Protein backbone atom coordinates (compact mmCIF):
# COMPACT_ATOMS: atom_id res chain seq x y z
CA MET A 1 -45.36 4.80 44.62
CA SER A 2 -44.80 1.80 45.34
CA ASP A 3 -45.00 0.34 49.22
CA ASP A 4 -41.58 -1.50 48.98
CA ILE A 5 -39.52 1.20 49.70
CA ARG A 6 -40.66 4.44 51.40
CA VAL A 7 -38.58 8.39 51.98
CA PHE A 8 -36.81 9.09 54.20
CA ASP A 9 -36.23 12.23 56.13
CA ASP A 10 -33.07 12.97 58.34
CA SER A 11 -35.17 15.83 59.86
CA SER A 12 -38.21 12.46 61.95
CA GLY A 13 -35.45 11.90 64.87
CA SER A 14 -33.07 9.85 63.94
CA ASP A 15 -29.84 10.25 65.41
CA GLU A 16 -26.87 12.47 63.61
CA SER A 17 -24.76 9.27 62.78
CA GLY A 18 -28.00 7.98 60.86
CA THR A 19 -27.71 4.56 62.90
CA GLY A 20 -31.44 5.37 64.99
CA PRO A 21 -34.63 2.66 64.43
CA ASP A 22 -36.23 4.57 61.39
CA ALA A 23 -32.68 3.91 60.01
CA ARG A 24 -32.52 1.40 60.67
CA LEU A 25 -36.32 0.11 59.43
CA VAL A 26 -35.31 1.66 56.23
CA GLU A 27 -32.53 -1.09 55.63
CA GLU A 28 -34.39 -3.86 56.55
CA GLU A 29 -38.03 -2.31 54.18
CA LEU A 30 -34.79 -2.24 51.30
CA ARG A 31 -33.34 -5.63 51.53
CA ALA A 32 -36.91 -7.12 51.85
CA ALA A 33 -37.65 -5.26 48.75
CA PHE A 34 -34.58 -6.43 47.29
CA ALA A 35 -34.97 -10.09 48.38
CA ARG A 36 -38.82 -10.15 46.79
CA TYR A 37 -37.62 -9.03 42.80
CA GLU A 38 -34.37 -10.82 43.00
CA PRO A 39 -35.51 -14.42 41.67
CA LEU A 40 -36.93 -12.29 38.47
CA ALA A 41 -34.42 -10.56 37.38
CA PRO A 42 -32.98 -11.77 34.08
CA ASP A 43 -30.45 -14.39 34.18
CA ALA A 44 -26.64 -12.63 33.29
CA GLY A 45 -25.32 -15.31 31.84
CA PRO A 46 -25.91 -14.99 28.43
CA LEU A 47 -25.71 -11.28 28.57
CA ARG A 48 -22.31 -11.94 29.56
CA ALA A 49 -21.86 -14.85 26.15
CA ALA A 50 -23.21 -11.46 23.75
CA ILE A 51 -21.00 -8.93 25.18
CA ASP A 52 -18.04 -11.94 25.22
CA ARG A 53 -19.18 -12.55 20.94
CA ARG A 54 -19.79 -8.91 20.43
CA VAL A 55 -15.87 -8.04 21.77
CA VAL A 56 -14.72 -10.96 20.02
CA ARG A 57 -16.50 -10.43 16.00
CA ARG A 58 -15.20 -6.42 17.09
CA ARG A 59 -11.82 -8.15 17.69
CA GLN A 60 -11.80 -9.45 13.83
CA ARG A 61 -13.61 -6.66 12.51
CA ARG A 62 -10.51 -4.24 13.92
CA ARG A 63 -8.19 -7.10 12.70
CA VAL A 64 -9.38 -7.66 8.74
CA ALA A 65 -8.78 -4.16 8.97
CA GLN A 66 -5.85 -3.89 9.79
CA VAL A 67 -4.82 -6.49 7.22
CA ALA A 68 -6.82 -5.33 4.61
CA GLY A 69 -5.20 -1.84 5.18
CA VAL A 70 -1.47 -3.54 4.53
CA ALA A 71 -2.66 -3.71 0.87
CA LEU A 72 -3.72 -0.48 0.37
CA ALA A 73 -0.67 1.42 1.75
CA MET A 74 1.02 -0.94 -0.34
CA LEU A 75 -0.72 0.70 -3.19
CA GLY A 76 -0.10 3.61 -2.17
CA VAL A 77 3.16 3.39 -3.82
CA LEU A 78 1.84 2.29 -7.71
CA ALA A 79 1.80 4.14 -10.87
CA VAL A 80 -0.90 3.56 -14.05
CA PRO A 81 1.03 1.57 -16.75
CA THR A 82 0.79 1.87 -20.89
CA PHE A 83 0.18 -1.06 -23.78
CA GLY A 84 2.65 -3.75 -24.70
CA ARG A 85 2.84 -7.02 -25.59
CA THR A 86 6.65 -9.30 -26.58
CA VAL A 87 7.04 -13.49 -27.30
CA GLY A 88 6.34 -15.65 -24.24
CA VAL A 89 7.99 -18.42 -22.82
CA PRO A 90 7.75 -21.10 -19.56
CA PRO A 91 7.60 -19.61 -16.10
CA VAL A 92 10.59 -19.68 -13.68
CA PRO A 93 10.42 -20.56 -10.20
CA GLU A 94 9.97 -18.72 -6.65
CA LEU A 95 12.88 -16.27 -5.12
CA ALA A 96 14.74 -17.12 -2.34
CA ALA A 97 12.74 -14.30 -0.36
CA PRO A 98 15.09 -12.58 2.78
CA PRO A 99 14.30 -13.04 6.75
CA PRO A 100 11.36 -12.64 7.83
CA LEU A 101 10.44 -8.16 9.19
CA ALA A 102 9.40 -10.24 12.72
CA ALA A 103 13.08 -12.12 12.60
CA ARG A 104 15.14 -9.15 11.38
CA SER A 105 13.65 -6.40 14.77
CA ALA A 106 14.49 -7.64 17.99
CA GLY A 107 16.31 -5.09 18.24
CA PRO A 108 17.19 -1.16 16.24
CA ALA A 109 14.63 -0.74 13.47
CA ALA A 110 15.64 -2.92 10.07
CA PRO A 111 15.94 -1.16 6.85
CA LEU A 112 12.57 -2.38 4.57
CA ASP A 113 13.51 -2.58 0.52
CA PHE A 114 9.59 -3.04 -1.09
CA LEU A 115 9.12 -4.06 -5.08
CA VAL A 116 6.30 -2.11 -6.97
CA LEU A 117 4.97 -3.36 -10.52
CA GLY A 118 2.07 -1.69 -12.55
CA VAL A 119 1.14 -3.64 -15.48
CA ASP A 120 -0.91 -3.67 -18.35
CA GLY A 121 -4.36 -5.20 -18.22
CA GLY A 122 -3.15 -7.78 -21.43
CA ASP A 123 -4.50 -7.34 -25.19
CA GLY A 124 -6.93 -9.86 -25.28
CA ARG A 125 -5.08 -11.55 -27.58
CA SER A 126 -1.69 -13.09 -25.79
CA ASN A 127 -2.99 -13.63 -22.38
CA GLY A 128 0.06 -11.93 -20.41
CA HIS A 129 0.72 -8.01 -19.00
CA ARG A 130 3.80 -6.65 -19.21
CA ALA A 131 5.11 -4.16 -16.50
CA ASP A 132 5.33 -0.53 -17.85
CA THR A 133 5.93 1.12 -14.41
CA VAL A 134 9.04 -0.96 -12.17
CA LEU A 135 9.83 1.55 -8.61
CA LEU A 136 12.08 0.23 -5.87
CA VAL A 137 11.04 1.75 -2.71
CA HIS A 138 13.38 1.74 0.19
CA VAL A 139 12.57 2.41 4.23
CA PRO A 140 15.72 3.76 5.75
CA ALA A 141 16.13 2.00 9.57
CA ASP A 142 15.02 5.32 10.59
CA ARG A 143 11.82 5.29 9.31
CA SER A 144 12.03 9.15 7.77
CA ARG A 145 11.08 8.93 4.80
CA LEU A 146 9.84 6.97 1.69
CA TYR A 147 12.78 6.57 -1.19
CA LEU A 148 11.59 5.92 -5.11
CA VAL A 149 13.63 4.65 -7.60
CA SER A 150 11.58 4.00 -11.02
CA LEU A 151 13.46 1.71 -13.66
CA PRO A 152 13.22 2.53 -17.14
CA ARG A 153 10.54 0.24 -18.77
CA ASP A 154 13.06 0.05 -22.06
CA LEU A 155 16.44 -0.89 -19.53
CA GLY A 156 18.18 -3.61 -21.52
CA VAL A 157 18.39 -6.42 -18.78
CA GLU A 158 18.92 -10.26 -18.23
CA VAL A 159 15.64 -12.12 -17.65
CA PRO A 160 16.87 -15.25 -15.89
CA GLY A 161 16.14 -18.28 -18.02
CA HIS A 162 15.22 -15.94 -21.23
CA GLY A 163 17.72 -14.39 -22.36
CA PHE A 164 19.06 -10.49 -22.77
CA GLY A 165 15.38 -8.24 -23.21
CA LYS A 166 14.06 -5.25 -21.59
CA LEU A 167 12.72 -4.46 -18.64
CA ALA A 168 9.02 -4.15 -18.86
CA SER A 169 8.95 -8.27 -21.30
CA ALA A 170 9.61 -9.53 -17.55
CA PHE A 171 6.51 -9.76 -16.82
CA TYR A 172 5.15 -10.82 -20.35
CA LEU A 173 7.24 -13.34 -19.58
CA GLY A 174 6.05 -15.05 -16.83
CA SER A 175 2.93 -14.06 -16.48
CA HIS A 176 2.02 -15.52 -20.65
CA ARG A 177 0.07 -18.40 -20.11
CA PRO A 178 -1.63 -19.88 -23.80
CA GLY A 179 -4.72 -20.32 -23.96
CA SER A 180 -5.60 -19.31 -20.23
CA ARG A 181 -6.14 -16.18 -17.90
CA PRO A 182 -2.85 -13.95 -17.08
CA ASP A 183 -0.70 -15.41 -14.29
CA LEU A 184 0.19 -12.48 -11.86
CA ALA A 185 1.75 -14.30 -9.72
CA GLY A 186 4.28 -15.62 -12.26
CA GLY A 187 5.33 -12.20 -14.11
CA THR A 188 5.48 -10.75 -10.90
CA MET A 189 7.92 -13.58 -9.46
CA LEU A 190 10.43 -13.32 -12.26
CA THR A 191 10.42 -9.29 -12.38
CA GLU A 192 11.11 -10.15 -9.09
CA ARG A 193 14.21 -12.34 -10.11
CA THR A 194 15.32 -9.85 -13.09
CA VAL A 195 15.73 -6.50 -11.21
CA THR A 196 17.25 -8.36 -7.78
CA ALA A 197 19.93 -10.02 -10.87
CA LEU A 198 19.97 -5.99 -12.10
CA THR A 199 20.30 -4.65 -8.67
CA GLY A 200 21.71 -7.15 -6.13
CA ILE A 201 18.27 -5.31 -3.88
CA ARG A 202 16.47 -8.63 -1.75
CA PHE A 203 13.10 -7.35 -1.07
CA ASP A 204 10.88 -7.33 1.97
CA ALA A 205 7.66 -7.90 0.15
CA THR A 206 6.06 -7.09 -4.02
CA ALA A 207 2.72 -5.73 -4.98
CA THR A 208 1.25 -5.97 -8.28
CA LEU A 209 -1.76 -4.10 -9.07
CA THR A 210 -2.78 -3.57 -13.05
CA TYR A 211 -3.88 -0.63 -15.16
CA ALA A 212 -7.49 -1.33 -14.45
CA GLY A 213 -6.95 -1.91 -10.45
CA LEU A 214 -5.47 1.87 -10.08
CA ARG A 215 -8.00 3.76 -11.87
CA GLN A 216 -10.55 1.67 -9.34
CA LEU A 217 -8.33 2.00 -6.53
CA THR A 218 -8.29 5.89 -7.30
CA ASP A 219 -11.93 6.01 -7.79
CA ALA A 220 -12.36 4.06 -4.79
CA LEU A 221 -10.11 6.62 -2.65
CA GLY A 222 -12.30 9.51 -3.91
CA GLY A 223 -10.04 10.73 -6.44
CA VAL A 224 -6.43 11.93 -5.44
CA ARG A 225 -4.41 15.21 -5.17
CA VAL A 226 -1.56 15.73 -7.45
CA CYS A 227 0.94 18.66 -8.52
CA LEU A 228 2.52 19.20 -10.97
CA PRO A 229 5.21 21.52 -12.20
CA ARG A 230 4.27 21.74 -16.31
CA GLN A 231 1.61 21.29 -17.92
CA VAL A 232 0.86 18.04 -19.73
CA ARG A 233 -1.69 17.56 -22.44
CA SER A 234 -2.83 13.71 -22.96
CA HIS A 235 -1.58 12.43 -26.55
CA HIS A 236 -4.15 9.64 -26.37
CA THR A 237 -7.50 12.41 -24.99
CA ALA A 238 -6.67 15.89 -25.79
CA ARG A 239 -6.60 17.01 -22.32
CA VAL A 240 -4.72 19.51 -20.94
CA PHE A 241 -3.24 19.38 -16.85
CA PRO A 242 -2.39 22.82 -15.96
CA ALA A 243 0.73 23.12 -13.80
CA GLY A 244 -0.03 23.30 -10.36
CA CYS A 245 -2.01 20.94 -8.05
CA HIS A 246 -5.51 18.84 -9.77
CA ARG A 247 -8.12 16.38 -7.69
CA LEU A 248 -7.76 13.47 -10.37
CA ASP A 249 -10.11 10.33 -11.16
CA GLY A 250 -9.75 7.57 -11.62
CA ALA A 251 -9.71 8.06 -15.14
CA ALA A 252 -8.04 11.52 -15.42
CA ALA A 253 -5.00 9.54 -13.15
CA GLN A 254 -4.06 7.32 -15.25
CA ASP A 255 -4.81 9.61 -18.50
CA LEU A 256 -1.84 11.42 -17.15
CA LEU A 257 0.19 8.16 -15.92
CA ARG A 258 0.48 7.02 -19.91
CA GLN A 259 1.75 11.00 -21.06
CA ARG A 260 5.19 10.17 -22.48
CA TYR A 261 4.63 11.72 -26.23
CA HIS A 262 5.01 15.84 -25.51
CA LEU A 263 7.34 15.67 -23.00
CA ASP A 264 10.73 16.67 -23.29
CA GLN A 265 11.88 13.84 -21.47
CA GLY A 266 9.48 11.45 -22.58
CA ALA A 267 8.82 8.16 -20.82
CA HIS A 268 11.41 9.92 -17.86
CA ASP A 269 9.04 12.85 -17.35
CA ARG A 270 6.68 10.34 -17.66
CA ASP A 271 8.09 8.57 -14.33
CA ARG A 272 8.57 11.25 -12.20
CA ASN A 273 4.80 12.36 -13.11
CA GLY A 274 4.78 8.73 -11.98
CA GLN A 275 6.43 8.98 -8.45
CA ARG A 276 4.34 12.63 -7.66
CA PHE A 277 1.02 10.15 -8.34
CA VAL A 278 2.89 7.72 -5.49
CA GLU A 279 3.55 10.71 -3.17
CA ALA A 280 0.25 11.87 -3.75
CA LEU A 281 -1.79 8.01 -3.46
CA LEU A 282 0.43 7.07 -0.44
CA HIS A 283 -1.26 10.26 1.50
CA GLU A 284 -4.85 9.20 0.69
CA VAL A 285 -4.59 5.00 1.53
CA THR A 286 -3.37 5.93 5.39
CA ASP A 287 -5.17 8.21 6.19
CA PRO A 288 -6.71 6.80 8.89
CA ALA A 289 -10.55 7.73 6.79
CA ASN A 290 -9.36 5.41 4.48
CA GLY A 291 -6.72 2.48 6.57
CA PHE A 292 -8.73 2.66 9.41
CA ASN A 293 -12.03 2.90 8.77
CA PRO A 294 -13.47 -0.96 8.52
CA VAL A 295 -16.57 -0.13 6.18
CA ARG A 296 -13.69 1.71 4.05
CA VAL A 297 -11.30 -0.66 4.08
CA ALA A 298 -14.15 -3.48 2.72
CA GLU A 299 -14.83 -1.03 -0.82
CA ILE A 300 -11.60 -0.14 -1.40
CA VAL A 301 -10.66 -3.69 -1.75
CA GLY A 302 -13.27 -5.00 -2.86
CA ALA A 303 -12.82 -3.24 -6.12
CA LEU A 304 -9.65 -4.39 -6.41
CA GLY A 305 -10.76 -7.93 -6.92
CA ARG A 306 -7.86 -10.16 -9.18
CA ASN A 307 -6.06 -6.92 -10.40
CA LEU A 308 -3.81 -7.20 -7.09
CA VAL A 309 -1.67 -9.39 -6.07
CA LEU A 310 0.39 -8.70 -2.61
CA SER A 311 3.39 -11.08 -1.97
CA LEU A 312 4.90 -9.73 1.80
CA HIS A 313 7.77 -12.31 2.28
CA GLY A 314 7.32 -13.43 5.48
CA THR A 315 6.65 -9.80 6.49
CA THR A 316 3.61 -9.88 8.95
CA PRO A 317 0.78 -7.11 7.23
CA LEU A 318 0.46 -5.58 10.92
CA GLU A 319 4.99 -4.70 10.67
CA LEU A 320 4.43 -3.42 7.00
CA PHE A 321 0.83 -1.55 7.82
CA GLY A 322 2.29 0.29 10.83
CA THR A 323 6.29 0.96 9.03
CA LEU A 324 4.44 1.89 5.64
CA ARG A 325 1.67 4.33 7.84
CA THR A 326 4.75 6.10 10.90
CA VAL A 327 6.88 6.69 6.84
CA ALA A 328 3.78 7.98 5.31
CA ALA A 329 3.38 11.29 5.95
CA ALA A 330 7.23 12.49 6.02
CA ASP A 331 7.44 13.50 2.18
CA ALA A 332 8.86 10.68 -0.27
CA VAL A 333 11.85 11.10 -2.61
CA GLY A 334 11.61 10.88 -6.31
CA ILE A 335 15.03 9.54 -7.51
CA GLY A 336 15.41 9.78 -11.61
CA TRP A 337 18.08 8.74 -14.17
CA THR A 338 20.07 11.33 -16.42
CA TYR A 339 18.25 11.27 -19.81
CA HIS A 340 19.54 10.56 -23.11
CA PRO A 341 17.04 8.60 -25.97
CA ASP A 342 16.46 5.09 -27.14
CA ARG A 343 19.38 3.08 -27.93
CA GLY A 344 20.28 -0.41 -28.09
CA PRO A 345 20.01 -2.28 -32.26
CA GLY A 346 17.07 -1.80 -33.49
CA GLY A 347 14.69 -2.35 -30.45
CA GLY A 348 15.09 1.86 -28.31
CA ILE A 349 16.26 -0.17 -25.51
CA GLU A 350 18.17 1.75 -22.63
CA SER A 351 21.14 1.29 -20.51
CA LEU A 352 21.53 3.37 -16.88
CA ASP A 353 25.00 4.48 -16.10
CA PRO A 354 27.10 2.18 -14.96
CA ALA A 355 29.20 3.76 -12.08
CA GLN A 356 25.83 5.91 -10.51
CA SER A 357 23.56 2.77 -11.08
CA ARG A 358 26.21 0.98 -8.72
CA SER A 359 26.65 3.64 -6.11
CA LEU A 360 22.63 4.04 -5.74
CA PHE A 361 22.53 -0.01 -5.10
CA GLU A 362 24.65 0.11 -2.89
CA ALA A 363 23.35 2.63 -0.77
CA PHE A 364 20.24 0.95 -0.69
CA GLY A 365 21.65 -2.05 0.59
CA ARG A 366 24.51 0.32 3.16
CA ASP A 367 20.50 1.89 3.76
CA THR A 368 22.61 5.99 2.98
CA LEU A 369 20.29 6.82 0.17
CA ALA A 370 20.21 10.53 2.56
CA GLU A 371 23.90 10.91 1.85
CA TRP A 372 23.24 9.48 -1.97
CA VAL A 373 20.61 11.86 -2.41
CA ASP A 374 22.77 14.69 -0.99
CA ARG A 375 25.85 13.71 -3.51
CA HIS A 376 23.64 13.76 -6.45
CA PRO A 377 20.77 16.41 -5.63
CA GLU A 378 20.25 16.74 -9.64
CA ARG A 379 18.10 12.69 -9.73
CA VAL A 380 16.06 14.33 -7.49
CA THR A 381 12.47 14.46 -8.86
CA PRO A 382 11.41 18.36 -8.08
């Protein structure tokens, strides 16, 4: 034992107050020992600086995880496209965006509307994509659940600056760039303008994911569990998806969500399966094990690369991620259209029921989709 510090025994004759001669002696020896060894203690300055740097890095990683989580949450409302092509024309100017969410959040929460596009990977010759999945996503002010509305890809629409055509072609018209890579941002912009002209809805954010990107995202999440009300047989691979719940990898999910030929209502049933996949994917990407794990977020976002376009229109990442994570726990409500065979001169162009579509799009603006669904239960995806 060191001579500088001795053991003090209460039985050695000190008084009960602990201030007797022996107690004072020990205190003096302790003070002397601390004084002799104090110069040997390391400078605390570098240690404090290292701790401060570590705190800053941790905050930066948390911020990166939150921002990346926005992309993952937005991807949770994407479905897989199929293939197609048409002719291309020049791009269009940018849309006027709605007010930023922060500017509308001083009082009660505001309803939010998102547009989600799933596009094919191009055919290697046309330098463009087409949007075979066009999904409207409504988050009500009470944040009770998500409402998912699929627009038919063959819907006849007026494409701003390009005349009448199918909805799926709007993305191609905006993304086609002769002799260069397709411009996903241009295709997103023109499709958003087209949908806004059709519905009157101004979107708070738009997400676009390519065919390859969604396959990579599904694999990065370790698969997605999808529940089907009836068997689906693949027209492309002869794979059979029995009725019930299945965890699908990227290739299987891609195969399932391309199917329309063997379904009773063709592309309309394919859109309903897409809504089922959307809800399942949203639960996966907003799971804390994924959205708040920086390593998982880096792996997932890194798998997407150029296959993702995310336009927030003034909504901050933290606001968007917080909103989507809040509603992800509730079951989503998918809304589909009354089925009818493709019709129209020479191209299988579809149309919407004027009265029902008008009331549906007005319900977006009035934040009354819950009441609309109660009046039209036949339009809800089971």
